[in-house]
C-alpha cells in the first residue's frame, strides 16, 4: 500500500494522455502498481484511462510516463502536437468553462450532426495497440522533425517493401501460405503508397518529398521510405479502416496481423528504425520557410 503514496495521479483525475504521438484528454478510472519491464522486474504505477469522447473499447492501462497534468504548458504541447501531426484526428474537446457554456448553446446543432454520424459510429472499429517503446519512437520522431528541424535520410534501407519481406520471412513456417496473411501484407503496401503523400508527412517533410520523388521517378513511396513512416501508418489505420466497408471478421483478421507485426517491429526496432535523424541544410530550411 505504500506504493500509493508515490502515485502522481489519482482515480477520478482528468489528465492529458499520449495515444500514439498525440495528447488527448482522459479520465483516470483506476490506479495500480505493476511490473513494467518483466525481464528486469522493474515496477511502477499504471493507470486505467478513458479518453474523453471515445468509446469505452479504447480504455487502456498506461504507464505514468504517458500521462501529463492538465496545465497551461501541457495544453500548449497538446495543441502543438495536434497542429504538427499529419492527418485528421479525433477532435480533442475544449476544457474551458467558456467552451462548455458555448457547447450547451449548440446542443441542437450537435444533435443534428450526431444523427448524420450515427451510421459511421456504428461501423465495426479496429483498435491497434502500439507498444509503448514504439509510441516513444513516434514522439521522438515528431520532436526530431518539428522541433529540431531534422529529416529522415532518404532513400531508407530497409524500405517498407524490404521490411514487409523481412517480416514475411520471419513467419515463413507459420503464415507464408496463409491467403489472408498475404492479402494483409499486400494491403499495407497499397495503403502506404496511396496515403503517404497526403497523410503521413509533417509539413517540414513535404519539400523533401517533392525532391526525392524527382530523383526517384518510377519508384513507389514504399521503395523510398522506411519504418519511421510505416509506423505512422499504423497509427492512422483505425481512421482509415473506419471509412471502409470491411466486415467485423475481416477487421479482426487485419487487427491480428497488424498487432503481430508491431510486436515484431518492437523486437527488431534497432534494425528497422533510426535513432538519429539528419540535420536539414540551411538551404532546405530557407525553402520550407519561404
Protein backbone atom coordinates (compact mmCIF):
# COMPACT_ATOMS: atom_id res chain seq x y z
CA UNK A 1 0.00 0.00 0.00
CA UNK A 2 2.97 2.31 0.49
CA UNK A 3 3.33 2.46 -3.29
CA UNK A 4 0.17 4.57 -3.50
CA UNK A 5 1.99 7.49 -1.90
CA UNK A 6 4.22 7.57 -4.96
CA UNK A 7 1.39 7.88 -7.48
CA UNK A 8 1.43 11.15 -9.39
CA UNK A 9 -2.24 10.87 -10.37
CA UNK A 10 -5.33 9.54 -8.62
CA UNK A 11 -8.58 7.89 -9.67
CA UNK A 12 -11.12 10.40 -10.96
CA UNK A 13 -8.47 12.89 -12.06
CA UNK A 14 -8.56 14.38 -15.57
CA UNK A 15 -5.23 14.25 -17.39
CA UNK A 16 -3.68 14.55 -20.82
CA UNK A 17 -2.58 11.16 -22.11
CA UNK A 18 -0.42 10.14 -25.05
CA UNK A 19 -2.15 7.87 -27.57
CA UNK A 20 0.32 7.41 -30.38
CA UNK A 21 2.17 10.71 -30.88
CA UNK A 22 -0.75 12.92 -29.78
CA UNK A 23 -2.15 14.01 -26.43
CA UNK A 24 -5.84 13.52 -25.61
CA UNK A 25 -7.91 14.45 -22.59
CA UNK A 26 -8.61 11.40 -20.46
CA UNK A 27 -10.01 10.47 -17.07
CA UNK A 28 -8.24 8.09 -14.73
CA UNK A 29 -10.63 5.31 -13.74
CA UNK A 30 -8.30 3.13 -11.66
CA UNK A 31 -4.72 3.07 -10.41
CA UNK A 32 -2.40 0.13 -9.81
CA UNK A 33 1.23 -0.84 -9.33
CA UNK A 34 2.60 -3.43 -11.73
CA UNK A 35 5.73 -4.89 -13.26
CA UNK A 36 6.51 -2.64 -16.23
CA UNK A 37 9.58 -4.42 -17.55
CA UNK A 38 9.14 -8.18 -16.98
CA UNK A 39 12.70 -9.19 -17.97
CA UNK A 40 14.17 -6.86 -15.34
CA UNK A 41 11.35 -6.90 -12.82
CA UNK A 42 11.03 -3.10 -12.74
CA UNK A 43 7.78 -1.94 -11.18
CA UNK A 44 5.84 1.29 -11.43
CA UNK A 45 2.43 2.95 -11.36
CA UNK A 46 -0.12 2.30 -14.11
CA UNK A 47 -3.48 3.94 -14.75
CA UNK A 48 -6.67 2.77 -16.42
CA UNK A 49 -7.76 5.74 -18.55
CA UNK A 50 -10.88 6.59 -20.53
CA UNK A 51 -10.35 9.02 -23.40
CA UNK A 52 -12.96 11.76 -23.36
CA UNK A 53 -15.42 11.38 -26.23
CA UNK A 54 -14.08 7.95 -27.22
CA UNK A 55 -15.83 4.60 -26.98
CA UNK A 56 -15.20 2.52 -23.88
CA UNK A 57 -13.40 -0.06 -26.02
CA UNK A 58 -10.46 2.38 -26.20
CA UNK A 59 -9.98 2.36 -22.40
CA UNK A 60 -6.49 1.10 -21.58
CA UNK A 61 -3.88 0.76 -18.87
CA UNK A 62 -0.98 3.17 -19.40
CA UNK A 63 2.30 3.74 -17.55
CA UNK A 64 2.81 7.02 -15.75
CA UNK A 65 5.16 8.26 -18.48
CA UNK A 66 2.20 8.61 -20.87
CA UNK A 67 0.14 10.89 -18.62
CA UNK A 68 0.54 14.61 -18.03
CA UNK A 69 -1.11 17.07 -15.68
CA UNK A 70 -3.60 19.45 -17.29
CA UNK A 71 -1.92 22.83 -17.11
CA UNK A 72 -1.14 25.69 -19.47
CA UNK A 73 2.20 24.29 -20.62
CA UNK A 74 0.86 20.81 -21.35
CA UNK A 75 -2.24 22.16 -23.11
CA UNK A 76 0.10 24.17 -25.33
CA UNK A 77 2.08 21.00 -26.03
CA UNK A 78 -1.16 19.19 -26.91
CA UNK A 79 -2.12 21.93 -29.37
CA UNK A 80 1.35 21.96 -30.92
CA UNK A 81 1.33 18.19 -31.42
CA UNK A 82 -2.12 18.27 -32.99
CA UNK A 83 -1.18 21.06 -35.38
CA UNK A 84 2.07 19.45 -36.46
CA UNK A 85 0.97 15.84 -36.88
CA UNK A 86 -0.37 14.98 -40.36
CA UNK A 87 -3.86 13.70 -40.98
CA UNK A 88 -7.23 14.16 -39.35
CA UNK A 89 -7.54 13.15 -35.72
CA UNK A 90 -10.31 12.73 -33.25
CA UNK A 91 -11.30 16.17 -32.08
CA UNK A 92 -9.98 17.00 -28.63
CA UNK A 93 -12.79 18.68 -26.68
CA UNK A 94 -12.02 22.08 -25.20
CA UNK A 95 -11.83 22.16 -21.44
CA UNK A 96 -12.54 25.76 -20.52
CA UNK A 97 -15.76 26.77 -18.80
CA UNK A 98 -16.49 29.21 -21.61
CA UNK A 99 -16.27 26.49 -24.25
CA UNK A 100 -18.56 24.23 -22.20
CA UNK A 101 -21.10 27.02 -21.92
CA UNK A 102 -20.88 27.62 -25.66
CA UNK A 103 -21.30 23.92 -26.30
CA UNK A 104 -24.53 23.85 -24.30
CA UNK A 105 -25.86 26.60 -26.54
CA UNK A 106 -25.22 24.45 -29.61
CA UNK A 107 -26.93 21.27 -28.48
CA UNK A 108 -29.43 21.37 -31.31
CA UNK A 109 -26.68 21.59 -33.92
CA UNK A 110 -24.77 18.78 -32.24
CA UNK A 111 -27.87 16.58 -32.19
CA UNK A 112 -28.28 17.07 -35.93
CA UNK A 113 -24.63 16.22 -36.53
CA UNK A 114 -24.93 13.18 -34.30
CA UNK A 115 -27.82 11.88 -36.41
CA UNK A 116 -25.69 12.20 -39.54
CA UNK A 117 -22.77 10.43 -37.91
CA UNK A 118 -24.80 7.65 -36.29
CA UNK A 119 -24.18 5.15 -39.07
CA UNK A 120 -20.46 5.95 -39.07
CA UNK A 121 -20.05 5.41 -35.33
CA UNK A 122 -21.86 2.06 -35.56
CA UNK A 123 -19.38 0.68 -38.07
CA UNK A 124 -17.00 -2.02 -36.86
CA UNK A 125 -13.85 -0.45 -35.46
CA UNK A 126 -10.28 -1.60 -35.25
CA UNK A 127 -8.11 -0.92 -32.25
CA UNK A 128 -4.41 -1.34 -32.94
CA UNK A 129 -2.41 -1.12 -29.69
CA UNK A 130 1.00 0.42 -30.30
CA UNK A 131 3.72 -0.97 -27.98
CA UNK A 132 4.95 1.69 -25.55
CA UNK A 133 8.51 1.66 -26.91
CA UNK A 134 7.16 2.37 -30.39
CA UNK A 135 4.97 5.16 -29.01
CA UNK A 136 8.15 6.68 -27.64
CA UNK A 137 9.64 6.35 -31.12
CA UNK A 138 6.66 8.24 -32.54
CA UNK A 139 7.09 11.08 -30.06
CA UNK A 140 10.83 11.25 -30.78
CA UNK A 141 10.02 11.21 -34.50
CA UNK A 142 7.78 14.26 -34.04
CA UNK A 143 10.40 16.12 -32.00
CA UNK A 144 13.24 15.44 -34.44
CA UNK A 145 11.26 16.85 -37.34
CA UNK A 146 9.07 19.61 -35.92
CA UNK A 147 11.33 20.88 -33.14
CA UNK A 148 14.87 20.03 -34.24
CA UNK A 149 14.15 20.55 -37.95
CA UNK A 150 15.76 17.25 -38.87
CA UNK A 151 14.78 14.76 -41.55
CA UNK A 152 14.74 11.02 -42.10
CA UNK A 153 17.58 10.39 -44.59
CA UNK A 154 16.13 9.08 -47.85
CA UNK A 155 16.01 6.67 -49.52
CA UNK A 156 15.79 4.42 -46.46
CA UNK A 157 17.31 0.99 -46.02
CA UNK A 158 15.43 -1.10 -45.23
CA UNK A 159 12.50 0.48 -47.01
CA UNK A 160 8.86 -0.50 -46.46
CA UNK A 161 8.92 -3.19 -49.16
CA UNK A 162 12.01 -4.73 -47.60
CA UNK A 163 10.54 -4.53 -44.09
CA UNK A 164 7.42 -6.36 -45.22
CA UNK A 165 9.56 -9.04 -46.85
CA UNK A 166 11.65 -9.37 -43.67
CA UNK A 167 8.50 -9.79 -41.62
CA UNK A 168 7.05 -12.35 -44.04
CA UNK A 169 10.33 -14.27 -43.92
CA UNK A 170 10.11 -14.37 -40.12
CA UNK A 171 6.68 -16.01 -40.48
CA UNK A 172 7.70 -18.32 -43.29
CA UNK A 173 6.86 -21.55 -41.49
CA UNK A 174 3.60 -20.29 -39.99
CA UNK A 175 1.85 -17.92 -42.37
CA UNK A 176 3.62 -18.00 -45.71
CA UNK A 177 0.81 -19.98 -47.31
CA UNK A 178 -1.97 -18.17 -45.46
CA UNK A 179 -4.01 -16.26 -48.03
CA UNK A 180 -5.32 -13.69 -45.54
CA UNK A 181 -1.79 -13.01 -44.29
CA UNK A 182 -0.57 -12.38 -47.84
CA UNK A 183 -3.53 -10.08 -48.51
CA UNK A 184 -2.82 -8.06 -45.38
CA UNK A 185 0.84 -7.65 -46.34
CA UNK A 186 -0.13 -6.51 -49.83
CA UNK A 187 -2.76 -4.21 -48.34
CA UNK A 188 -0.24 -2.50 -46.04
CA UNK A 189 1.97 -1.70 -49.02
CA UNK A 190 -1.00 -0.45 -51.05
CA UNK A 191 -2.23 1.78 -48.24
CA UNK A 192 1.26 3.16 -47.69
CA UNK A 193 1.73 4.09 -51.34
CA UNK A 194 -1.71 5.70 -51.53
CA UNK A 195 -1.66 7.80 -48.37
CA UNK A 196 1.95 8.73 -47.65
CA UNK A 197 1.96 11.99 -49.60
CA UNK A 198 -1.34 13.22 -48.15
CA UNK A 199 -1.45 11.73 -44.68
CA UNK A 200 1.90 10.60 -43.32
CA UNK A 201 4.16 13.63 -43.77
CA UNK A 202 4.84 16.52 -41.44
CA UNK A 203 4.81 19.96 -43.01
CA UNK A 204 8.59 20.20 -42.69
CA UNK A 205 8.99 17.00 -44.75
CA UNK A 206 6.90 17.99 -47.75
CA UNK A 207 9.71 19.67 -49.67
CA UNK A 208 11.87 16.60 -49.08
CA UNK A 209 9.06 14.50 -50.57
CA UNK A 210 8.97 16.69 -53.69
CA UNK A 211 12.75 16.48 -54.05
CA UNK A 212 13.02 12.72 -53.50
CA UNK A 213 10.20 11.98 -55.94
CA UNK A 214 12.06 13.88 -58.67
CA UNK A 215 15.21 11.85 -58.02
CA UNK A 216 13.38 8.52 -57.86
CA UNK A 217 10.87 8.79 -60.66
CA UNK A 218 9.35 5.39 -61.32
CA UNK A 219 9.78 4.12 -57.77
CA UNK A 220 6.90 3.78 -55.35
CA UNK A 221 6.93 5.51 -51.98
CA UNK A 222 7.24 2.13 -50.26
CA UNK A 223 10.59 1.69 -52.04
CA UNK A 224 11.88 5.04 -50.74
CA UNK A 225 10.54 5.43 -47.20
CA UNK A 226 11.09 3.11 -44.25
CA UNK A 227 9.97 2.07 -40.80
CA UNK A 228 9.56 5.58 -39.40
CA UNK A 229 6.76 6.39 -41.83
CA UNK A 230 5.37 2.85 -41.76
CA UNK A 231 4.87 3.26 -38.02
CA UNK A 232 2.89 6.44 -38.67
CA UNK A 233 0.64 4.43 -40.99
CA UNK A 234 -0.18 2.00 -38.18
CA UNK A 235 -1.36 4.94 -36.06
CA UNK A 236 -3.67 6.01 -38.88
CA UNK A 237 -5.13 2.57 -39.58
CA UNK A 238 -8.15 2.85 -37.22
CA UNK A 239 -9.28 6.00 -39.02
CA UNK A 240 -8.58 4.55 -42.47
CA UNK A 241 -10.44 1.31 -41.79
CA UNK A 242 -13.41 3.18 -40.31
CA UNK A 243 -14.02 4.64 -43.76
CA UNK A 244 -14.17 1.25 -45.48
CA UNK A 245 -16.95 -1.32 -45.72
CA UNK A 246 -14.95 -4.14 -44.14
CA UNK A 247 -16.97 -6.59 -42.05
CA UNK A 248 -16.02 -7.47 -38.49
CA UNK A 249 -14.39 -10.80 -39.41
CA UNK A 250 -12.10 -9.09 -41.90
CA UNK A 251 -11.28 -6.37 -39.38
CA UNK A 252 -10.42 -8.96 -36.74
CA UNK A 253 -8.09 -10.75 -39.15
CA UNK A 254 -6.44 -7.46 -40.11
CA UNK A 255 -6.01 -6.44 -36.50
CA UNK A 256 -4.44 -9.78 -35.57
CA UNK A 257 -1.81 -9.39 -38.26
CA UNK A 258 -1.13 -5.73 -37.52
CA UNK A 259 -0.67 -6.38 -33.80
CA UNK A 260 1.72 -9.24 -34.53
CA UNK A 261 3.75 -7.14 -36.94
CA UNK A 262 4.01 -4.31 -34.42
CA UNK A 263 5.38 -6.74 -31.84
CA UNK A 264 7.90 -7.91 -34.43
CA UNK A 265 8.87 -4.29 -35.19
CA UNK A 266 9.29 -3.63 -31.47
CA UNK A 267 11.58 -6.64 -31.13
CA UNK A 268 13.64 -5.62 -34.18
CA UNK A 269 13.44 -1.84 -33.82
CA UNK A 270 17.22 -1.37 -33.88
CA UNK A 271 17.33 -2.83 -37.39
CA UNK A 272 14.19 -1.08 -38.64
CA UNK A 273 14.06 2.38 -37.06
CA UNK A 274 16.57 5.21 -36.86
CA UNK A 275 17.73 6.54 -33.51
CA UNK A 276 19.13 9.71 -35.10
CA UNK A 277 17.91 11.86 -37.98
CA UNK A 278 19.94 14.12 -40.26
CA UNK A 279 20.03 17.90 -39.97
CA UNK A 280 18.24 19.76 -42.74
CA UNK A 281 20.55 22.06 -44.68
CA UNK A 282 20.19 25.85 -44.33
CA UNK A 283 19.09 25.95 -47.98
CA UNK A 284 16.33 23.41 -47.31
CA UNK A 285 15.15 25.29 -44.23
CA UNK A 286 15.06 28.50 -46.24
CA UNK A 287 12.86 26.90 -48.92
CA UNK A 288 10.47 25.47 -46.34
CA UNK A 289 10.10 28.80 -44.57
CA UNK A 290 9.62 30.81 -47.76
